[in-house]
């Protein structure tokens, strides 16, 4: 269980570092939402 928590923490930190800012995270989530919405309309 501890290993799973550590891996999740590391993955979260890496994804946050890739975005660089909170604004970047928001933009990434918005793009993901748009992609899901587009797929749902098809």
PDB file of N, CA and C in Angstrom:
ATOM      1  N   UNK A   1       0.820  -1.192   0.000  1.00  0.00           N
ATOM      2  CA  UNK A   1       0.000   0.000   0.000  1.00  0.00           C
ATOM      3  C   UNK A   1       0.870   1.265   0.000  1.00  0.00           C
ATOM      4  N   UNK A   2       1.946   1.226   0.780  1.00  0.00           N
ATOM      5  CA  UNK A   2       2.837   2.384   0.836  1.00  0.00           C
ATOM      6  C   UNK A   2       3.478   2.647  -0.527  1.00  0.00           C
ATOM      7  N   UNK A   3       3.804   1.581  -1.240  1.00  0.00           N
ATOM      8  CA  UNK A   3       4.413   1.729  -2.555  1.00  0.00           C
ATOM      9  C   UNK A   3       3.443   2.402  -3.524  1.00  0.00           C
ATOM     10  N   UNK A   4       2.182   2.013  -3.459  1.00  0.00           N
ATOM     11  CA  UNK A   4       1.162   2.611  -4.322  1.00  0.00           C
ATOM     12  C   UNK A   4       1.013   4.096  -4.031  1.00  0.00           C
ATOM     13  N   UNK A   5       1.016   4.467  -2.770  1.00  0.00           N
ATOM     14  CA  UNK A   5       0.907   5.875  -2.391  1.00  0.00           C
ATOM     15  C   UNK A   5       2.117   6.654  -2.893  1.00  0.00           C
ATOM     16  N   UNK A   6       3.288   6.087  -2.751  1.00  0.00           N
ATOM     17  CA  UNK A   6       4.509   6.758  -3.223  1.00  0.00           C
ATOM     18  C   UNK A   6       4.490   6.953  -4.726  1.00  0.00           C
ATOM     19  N   UNK A   7       4.082   5.919  -5.467  1.00  0.00           N
ATOM     20  CA  UNK A   7       4.023   6.031  -6.918  1.00  0.00           C
ATOM     21  C   UNK A   7       3.005   7.079  -7.354  1.00  0.00           C
ATOM     22  N   UNK A   8       1.878   7.136  -6.671  1.00  0.00           N
ATOM     23  CA  UNK A   8       0.858   8.132  -6.981  1.00  0.00           C
ATOM     24  C   UNK A   8       1.377   9.540  -6.710  1.00  0.00           C
ATOM     25  N   UNK A   9       2.071   9.712  -5.601  1.00  0.00           N
ATOM     26  CA  UNK A   9       2.652  11.011  -5.274  1.00  0.00           C
ATOM     27  C   UNK A   9       3.672  11.446  -6.312  1.00  0.00           C
ATOM     28  N   UNK A  10       4.538  10.549  -6.700  1.00  0.00           N
ATOM     29  CA  UNK A  10       5.566  10.860  -7.702  1.00  0.00           C
ATOM     30  C   UNK A  10       4.928  11.227  -9.030  1.00  0.00           C
ATOM     31  N   UNK A  11       3.914  10.458  -9.443  1.00  0.00           N
ATOM     32  CA  UNK A  11       3.226  10.749 -10.710  1.00  0.00           C
ATOM     33  C   UNK A  11       2.550  12.116 -10.647  1.00  0.00           C
ATOM     34  N   UNK A  12       1.952  12.446  -9.514  1.00  0.00           N
ATOM     35  CA  UNK A  12       1.294  13.745  -9.354  1.00  0.00           C
ATOM     36  C   UNK A  12       2.298  14.883  -9.437  1.00  0.00           C
ATOM     37  N   UNK A  13       3.418  14.726  -8.783  1.00  0.00           N
ATOM     38  CA  UNK A  13       4.443  15.771  -8.809  1.00  0.00           C
ATOM     39  C   UNK A  13       5.011  15.967 -10.209  1.00  0.00           C
ATOM     40  N   UNK A  14       5.215  14.879 -10.925  1.00  0.00           N
ATOM     41  CA  UNK A  14       5.735  14.995 -12.284  1.00  0.00           C
ATOM     42  C   UNK A  14       4.730  15.674 -13.205  1.00  0.00           C
ATOM     43  N   UNK A  15       3.470  15.353 -13.052  1.00  0.00           N
ATOM     44  CA  UNK A  15       2.461  15.978 -13.909  1.00  0.00           C
ATOM     45  C   UNK A  15       2.328  17.463 -13.585  1.00  0.00           C
ATOM     46  N   UNK A  16       2.434  17.827 -12.316  1.00  0.00           N
ATOM     47  CA  UNK A  16       2.379  19.242 -11.949  1.00  0.00           C
ATOM     48  C   UNK A  16       3.607  19.990 -12.470  1.00  0.00           C
ATOM     49  N   UNK A  17       4.736  19.365 -12.428  1.00  0.00           N
ATOM     50  CA  UNK A  17       5.967  20.000 -12.916  1.00  0.00           C
ATOM     51  C   UNK A  17       5.885  20.219 -14.420  1.00  0.00           C
ATOM     52  N   UNK A  18       5.212  19.327 -15.120  1.00  0.00           N
ATOM     53  CA  UNK A  18       5.081  19.460 -16.566  1.00  0.00           C
ATOM     54  C   UNK A  18       4.197  20.652 -16.928  1.00  0.00           C
ATOM     55  N   UNK A  19       3.236  20.967 -16.094  1.00  0.00           N
ATOM     56  CA  UNK A  19       2.318  22.077 -16.377  1.00  0.00           C
ATOM     57  C   UNK A  19       2.929  23.429 -16.023  1.00  0.00           C
ATOM     58  N   UNK A  20       3.828  23.454 -15.066  1.00  0.00           N
ATOM     59  CA  UNK A  20       4.540  24.648 -14.604  1.00  0.00           C
ATOM     60  C   UNK A  20       3.696  25.605 -13.779  1.00  0.00           C
ATOM     61  N   UNK A  21       2.410  25.747 -14.066  1.00  0.00           N
ATOM     62  CA  UNK A  21       1.588  26.688 -13.313  1.00  0.00           C
ATOM     63  C   UNK A  21       0.201  26.119 -13.096  1.00  0.00           C
ATOM     64  N   UNK A  22      -0.527  26.719 -12.176  1.00  0.00           N
ATOM     65  CA  UNK A  22      -1.917  26.326 -11.947  1.00  0.00           C
ATOM     66  C   UNK A  22      -2.746  26.651 -13.181  1.00  0.00           C
ATOM     67  N   UNK A  23      -2.422  27.734 -13.839  1.00  0.00           N
ATOM     68  CA  UNK A  23      -3.126  28.110 -15.075  1.00  0.00           C
ATOM     69  C   UNK A  23      -2.935  27.033 -16.137  1.00  0.00           C
ATOM     70  N   UNK A  24      -1.743  26.503 -16.225  1.00  0.00           N
ATOM     71  CA  UNK A  24      -1.464  25.437 -17.190  1.00  0.00           C
ATOM     72  C   UNK A  24      -2.270  24.181 -16.893  1.00  0.00           C
ATOM     73  N   UNK A  25      -2.428  23.873 -15.612  1.00  0.00           N
ATOM     74  CA  UNK A  25      -3.230  22.715 -15.223  1.00  0.00           C
ATOM     75  C   UNK A  25      -4.673  22.930 -15.666  1.00  0.00           C
ATOM     76  N   UNK A  26      -5.183  24.145 -15.449  1.00  0.00           N
ATOM     77  CA  UNK A  26      -6.549  24.463 -15.862  1.00  0.00           C
ATOM     78  C   UNK A  26      -6.734  24.325 -17.359  1.00  0.00           C
ATOM     79  N   UNK A  27      -5.752  24.761 -18.119  1.00  0.00           N
ATOM     80  CA  UNK A  27      -5.827  24.649 -19.578  1.00  0.00           C
ATOM     81  C   UNK A  27      -5.803  23.183 -20.007  1.00  0.00           C
ATOM     82  N   UNK A  28      -4.986  22.382 -19.364  1.00  0.00           N
ATOM     83  CA  UNK A  28      -4.920  20.966 -19.690  1.00  0.00           C
ATOM     84  C   UNK A  28      -6.247  20.273 -19.405  1.00  0.00           C
ATOM     85  N   UNK A  29      -6.856  20.601 -18.273  1.00  0.00           N
ATOM     86  CA  UNK A  29      -8.140  19.998 -17.913  1.00  0.00           C
ATOM     87  C   UNK A  29      -9.222  20.454 -18.886  1.00  0.00           C
ATOM     88  N   UNK A  30      -9.169  21.712 -19.288  1.00  0.00           N
ATOM     89  CA  UNK A  30     -10.150  22.229 -20.247  1.00  0.00           C
ATOM     90  C   UNK A  30     -10.027  21.513 -21.592  1.00  0.00           C
ATOM     91  N   UNK A  31      -8.810  21.292 -22.049  1.00  0.00           N
ATOM     92  CA  UNK A  31      -8.604  20.574 -23.314  1.00  0.00           C
ATOM     93  C   UNK A  31      -9.114  19.139 -23.217  1.00  0.00           C
ATOM     94  N   UNK A  32      -8.854  18.513 -22.094  1.00  0.00           N
ATOM     95  CA  UNK A  32      -9.332  17.153 -21.884  1.00  0.00           C
ATOM     96  C   UNK A  32     -10.853  17.113 -21.916  1.00  0.00           C
ATOM     97  N   UNK A  33     -11.501  18.074 -21.269  1.00  0.00           N
ATOM     98  CA  UNK A  33     -12.962  18.155 -21.271  1.00  0.00           C
ATOM     99  C   UNK A  33     -13.506  18.356 -22.663  1.00  0.00           C
ATOM    100  N   UNK A  34     -12.857  19.206 -23.445  1.00  0.00           N
ATOM    101  CA  UNK A  34     -13.302  19.450 -24.818  1.00  0.00           C
ATOM    102  C   UNK A  34     -13.171  18.191 -25.666  1.00  0.00           C
ATOM    103  N   UNK A  35     -12.102  17.458 -25.463  1.00  0.00           N
ATOM    104  CA  UNK A  35     -11.890  16.212 -26.206  1.00  0.00           C
ATOM    105  C   UNK A  35     -12.965  15.193 -25.867  1.00  0.00           C
ATOM    106  N   UNK A  36     -13.268  15.064 -24.593  1.00  0.00           N
ATOM    107  CA  UNK A  36     -14.302  14.111 -24.151  1.00  0.00           C
ATOM    108  C   UNK A  36     -15.662  14.540 -24.704  1.00  0.00           C
ATOM    109  N   UNK A  37     -15.939  15.838 -24.662  1.00  0.00           N
ATOM    110  CA  UNK A  37     -17.217  16.341 -25.172  1.00  0.00           C
ATOM    111  C   UNK A  37     -17.341  16.077 -26.671  1.00  0.00           C
ATOM    112  N   UNK A  38     -16.264  16.302 -27.409  1.00  0.00           N
ATOM    113  CA  UNK A  38     -16.273  16.050 -28.849  1.00  0.00           C
ATOM    114  C   UNK A  38     -16.500  14.577 -29.163  1.00  0.00           C
ATOM    115  N   UNK A  39     -15.897  13.705 -28.386  1.00  0.00           N
ATOM    116  CA  UNK A  39     -16.064  12.272 -28.605  1.00  0.00           C
ATOM    117  C   UNK A  39     -17.492  11.842 -28.274  1.00  0.00           C
ATOM    118  N   UNK A  40     -18.090  12.482 -27.279  1.00  0.00           N
ATOM    119  CA  UNK A  40     -19.456  12.125 -26.882  1.00  0.00           C
ATOM    120  C   UNK A  40     -20.481  12.555 -27.940  1.00  0.00           C
ATOM    121  N   UNK A  41     -20.187  13.630 -28.656  1.00  0.00           N
ATOM    122  CA  UNK A  41     -21.111  14.123 -29.681  1.00  0.00           C
ATOM    123  C   UNK A  41     -21.111  13.239 -30.920  1.00  0.00           C
ATOM    124  N   UNK A  42     -20.048  12.483 -31.141  1.00  0.00           N
ATOM    125  CA  UNK A  42     -19.943  11.636 -32.344  1.00  0.00           C
ATOM    126  C   UNK A  42     -20.807  10.455 -32.239  1.00  0.00           C
TER     127      UNK A  42
END
